[in-house]
Amino acid sequence: MALPVLTQHIARTKLDAYCARKIPDSLRDQVRLELELADNHITLIETRPHFRNPSQWTALPVARFRYNPGSGTWALLSPIFNHKEAWRPYPIQPSRDLDKLIAALDSDTNGVFWG
């Protein structure tokens, strides 16, 4: 099920602001944070120039925010890198408050997202 339009707009606005805050303008030729929207989730992707061919950018999934339309809550998920497109729940309760999950991503007390 696709994200409701208003929910998608609010989430995209908050996550776009997070991406802009996280990577300063002066570094955006070296690293970027981008969003991919699909069905009921938004994936945060880190992109960088490929080390062998800097004209091509590589993408690495960082985090996924999955929306549950039944409860109106968001869950934060971390990637499992030994499986293609596999995700596991991050140890924080799903919340209606997306800002709470963005703060957990930013603080990353478990070292899952930012190492």
C-alpha atoms as a PDB file:
ATOM      1  CA  MET A   1       0.000   0.000   0.000  1.00  0.00           C
ATOM      2  CA  ALA A   2       1.368   3.401  -0.973  1.00  0.00           C
ATOM      3  CA  LEU A   3       2.061   6.067   1.601  1.00  0.00           C
ATOM      4  CA  PRO A   4      -0.846   8.496   2.039  1.00  0.00           C
ATOM      5  CA  VAL A   5      -0.033  11.720   0.178  1.00  0.00           C
ATOM      6  CA  LEU A   6       0.044  13.975   3.258  1.00  0.00           C
ATOM      7  CA  THR A   7       2.090  11.448   5.252  1.00  0.00           C
ATOM      8  CA  GLN A   8       4.532  11.133   2.358  1.00  0.00           C
ATOM      9  CA  HIS A   9       4.858  14.915   2.035  1.00  0.00           C
ATOM     10  CA  ILE A  10       5.525  15.429   5.762  1.00  0.00           C
ATOM     11  CA  ALA A  11       8.007  12.545   5.917  1.00  0.00           C
ATOM     12  CA  ARG A  12       9.838  13.665   2.794  1.00  0.00           C
ATOM     13  CA  THR A  13      10.089  17.238   4.118  1.00  0.00           C
ATOM     14  CA  LYS A  14      11.546  16.045   7.437  1.00  0.00           C
ATOM     15  CA  LEU A  15      13.957  13.584   5.836  1.00  0.00           C
ATOM     16  CA  ASP A  16      15.081  16.063   3.155  1.00  0.00           C
ATOM     17  CA  ALA A  17      15.886  18.527   5.954  1.00  0.00           C
ATOM     18  CA  TYR A  18      17.810  15.807   7.792  1.00  0.00           C
ATOM     19  CA  CYS A  19      19.845  14.996   4.671  1.00  0.00           C
ATOM     20  CA  ALA A  20      20.656  18.672   4.126  1.00  0.00           C
ATOM     21  CA  ARG A  21      21.741  19.038   7.766  1.00  0.00           C
ATOM     22  CA  LYS A  22      23.833  15.875   7.798  1.00  0.00           C
ATOM     23  CA  ILE A  23      25.976  16.613   4.711  1.00  0.00           C
ATOM     24  CA  PRO A  24      27.338  20.171   4.383  1.00  0.00           C
ATOM     25  CA  ASP A  25      27.153  21.817   0.952  1.00  0.00           C
ATOM     26  CA  SER A  26      30.945  21.831   0.757  1.00  0.00           C
ATOM     27  CA  LEU A  27      31.058  17.998   0.833  1.00  0.00           C
ATOM     28  CA  ARG A  28      28.229  17.173  -1.567  1.00  0.00           C
ATOM     29  CA  ASP A  29      30.659  16.527  -4.405  1.00  0.00           C
ATOM     30  CA  GLN A  30      32.068  13.693  -2.236  1.00  0.00           C
ATOM     31  CA  VAL A  31      29.000  12.266  -0.485  1.00  0.00           C
ATOM     32  CA  ARG A  32      25.236  12.728  -0.636  1.00  0.00           C
ATOM     33  CA  LEU A  33      22.225  11.421   1.195  1.00  0.00           C
ATOM     34  CA  GLU A  34      19.230  10.711  -1.006  1.00  0.00           C
ATOM     35  CA  LEU A  35      15.755   9.299  -0.504  1.00  0.00           C
ATOM     36  CA  GLU A  36      13.976   6.517  -2.348  1.00  0.00           C
ATOM     37  CA  LEU A  37      10.221   6.263  -1.904  1.00  0.00           C
ATOM     38  CA  ALA A  38       8.403   2.993  -2.548  1.00  0.00           C
ATOM     39  CA  ASP A  39       5.079   1.617  -1.362  1.00  0.00           C
ATOM     40  CA  ASN A  40       4.999   2.041   2.401  1.00  0.00           C
ATOM     41  CA  HIS A  41       8.607   3.004   3.069  1.00  0.00           C
ATOM     42  CA  ILE A  42      11.309   5.582   2.497  1.00  0.00           C
ATOM     43  CA  THR A  43      14.923   4.447   2.202  1.00  0.00           C
ATOM     44  CA  LEU A  44      17.852   6.711   3.027  1.00  0.00           C
ATOM     45  CA  ILE A  45      20.702   6.080   0.580  1.00  0.00           C
ATOM     46  CA  GLU A  46      24.314   7.267   0.865  1.00  0.00           C
ATOM     47  CA  THR A  47      25.911   7.922  -2.515  1.00  0.00           C
ATOM     48  CA  ARG A  48      29.575   8.530  -3.302  1.00  0.00           C
ATOM     49  CA  PRO A  49      31.718   8.691  -6.428  1.00  0.00           C
ATOM     50  CA  HIS A  50      33.000   5.230  -7.337  1.00  0.00           C
ATOM     51  CA  PHE A  51      36.680   4.899  -6.405  1.00  0.00           C
ATOM     52  CA  ARG A  52      37.659   3.571  -9.852  1.00  0.00           C
ATOM     53  CA  ASN A  53      35.424   5.833 -11.899  1.00  0.00           C
ATOM     54  CA  PRO A  54      34.519   9.058 -10.071  1.00  0.00           C
ATOM     55  CA  SER A  55      32.035   9.989 -12.798  1.00  0.00           C
ATOM     56  CA  GLN A  56      29.813   7.124 -11.594  1.00  0.00           C
ATOM     57  CA  TRP A  57      28.211   7.217  -8.168  1.00  0.00           C
ATOM     58  CA  THR A  58      27.710   4.174  -5.964  1.00  0.00           C
ATOM     59  CA  ALA A  59      24.769   3.779  -3.612  1.00  0.00           C
ATOM     60  CA  LEU A  60      24.603   2.178  -0.178  1.00  0.00           C
ATOM     61  CA  PRO A  61      21.361   1.871   1.803  1.00  0.00           C
ATOM     62  CA  VAL A  62      21.672   3.417   5.252  1.00  0.00           C
ATOM     63  CA  ALA A  63      18.224   3.184   6.843  1.00  0.00           C
ATOM     64  CA  ARG A  64      14.607   2.549   6.026  1.00  0.00           C
ATOM     65  CA  PHE A  65      11.547   4.172   7.546  1.00  0.00           C
ATOM     66  CA  ARG A  66       8.537   1.868   7.130  1.00  0.00           C
ATOM     67  CA  TYR A  67       5.025   3.197   7.591  1.00  0.00           C
ATOM     68  CA  ASN A  68       2.227   1.058   9.032  1.00  0.00           C
ATOM     69  CA  PRO A  69      -1.064   2.510   7.775  1.00  0.00           C
ATOM     70  CA  GLY A  70      -3.092   0.477  10.259  1.00  0.00           C
ATOM     71  CA  SER A  71      -1.446   2.013  13.317  1.00  0.00           C
ATOM     72  CA  GLY A  72      -0.194   5.231  11.724  1.00  0.00           C
ATOM     73  CA  THR A  73       3.308   4.500  13.018  1.00  0.00           C
ATOM     74  CA  TRP A  74       6.773   4.500  11.534  1.00  0.00           C
ATOM     75  CA  ALA A  75       9.419   1.850  12.212  1.00  0.00           C
ATOM     76  CA  LEU A  76      13.162   2.361  11.775  1.00  0.00           C
ATOM     77  CA  LEU A  77      15.016  -0.483  10.056  1.00  0.00           C
ATOM     78  CA  SER A  78      18.700  -1.145   9.438  1.00  0.00           C
ATOM     79  CA  PRO A  79      20.115  -2.975   6.420  1.00  0.00           C
ATOM     80  CA  ILE A  80      21.415  -6.531   6.536  1.00  0.00           C
ATOM     81  CA  PHE A  81      24.330  -6.451   4.133  1.00  0.00           C
ATOM     82  CA  ASN A  82      24.735 -10.179   3.597  1.00  0.00           C
ATOM     83  CA  HIS A  83      21.260 -10.364   2.034  1.00  0.00           C
ATOM     84  CA  LYS A  84      19.990  -8.351  -0.898  1.00  0.00           C
ATOM     85  CA  GLU A  85      17.273  -5.942   0.214  1.00  0.00           C
ATOM     86  CA  ALA A  86      17.006  -7.421   3.698  1.00  0.00           C
ATOM     87  CA  TRP A  87      16.173  -5.217   6.659  1.00  0.00           C
ATOM     88  CA  ARG A  88      15.893  -5.708  10.410  1.00  0.00           C
ATOM     89  CA  PRO A  89      14.090  -3.599  12.998  1.00  0.00           C
ATOM     90  CA  TYR A  90      16.286  -1.144  14.870  1.00  0.00           C
ATOM     91  CA  PRO A  91      15.793  -1.458  18.644  1.00  0.00           C
ATOM     92  CA  ILE A  92      13.393   1.447  19.070  1.00  0.00           C
ATOM     93  CA  GLN A  93       9.635   1.177  19.291  1.00  0.00           C
ATOM     94  CA  PRO A  94       7.638   2.217  16.220  1.00  0.00           C
ATOM     95  CA  SER A  95       6.284   5.708  16.660  1.00  0.00           C
ATOM     96  CA  ARG A  96       3.839   8.160  15.156  1.00  0.00           C
ATOM     97  CA  ASP A  97       6.577  10.749  15.730  1.00  0.00           C
ATOM     98  CA  LEU A  98       8.988  10.432  12.808  1.00  0.00           C
ATOM     99  CA  ASP A  99      11.288  13.011  14.433  1.00  0.00           C
ATOM    100  CA  LYS A 100      11.912  10.537  17.275  1.00  0.00           C
ATOM    101  CA  LEU A 101      13.130   7.912  14.792  1.00  0.00           C
ATOM    102  CA  ILE A 102      15.242  10.457  12.897  1.00  0.00           C
ATOM    103  CA  ALA A 103      16.899  11.388  16.215  1.00  0.00           C
ATOM    104  CA  ALA A 104      17.637   7.684  16.849  1.00  0.00           C
ATOM    105  CA  LEU A 105      19.174   7.409  13.375  1.00  0.00           C
ATOM    106  CA  ASP A 106      21.279  10.488  13.996  1.00  0.00           C
ATOM    107  CA  SER A 107      22.527   9.415  17.421  1.00  0.00           C
ATOM    108  CA  ASP A 108      23.026   5.774  16.291  1.00  0.00           C
ATOM    109  CA  THR A 109      23.948   4.515  19.755  1.00  0.00           C
ATOM    110  CA  ASN A 110      24.355   0.964  18.380  1.00  0.00           C
ATOM    111  CA  GLY A 111      26.741   1.936  15.560  1.00  0.00           C
ATOM    112  CA  VAL A 112      24.496   0.358  12.934  1.00  0.00           C
ATOM    113  CA  PHE A 113      23.944   3.274  10.575  1.00  0.00           C
ATOM    114  CA  TRP A 114      27.026   5.450  10.787  1.00  0.00           C
ATOM    115  CA  GLY A 115      29.556   2.885  12.031  1.00  0.00           C
END
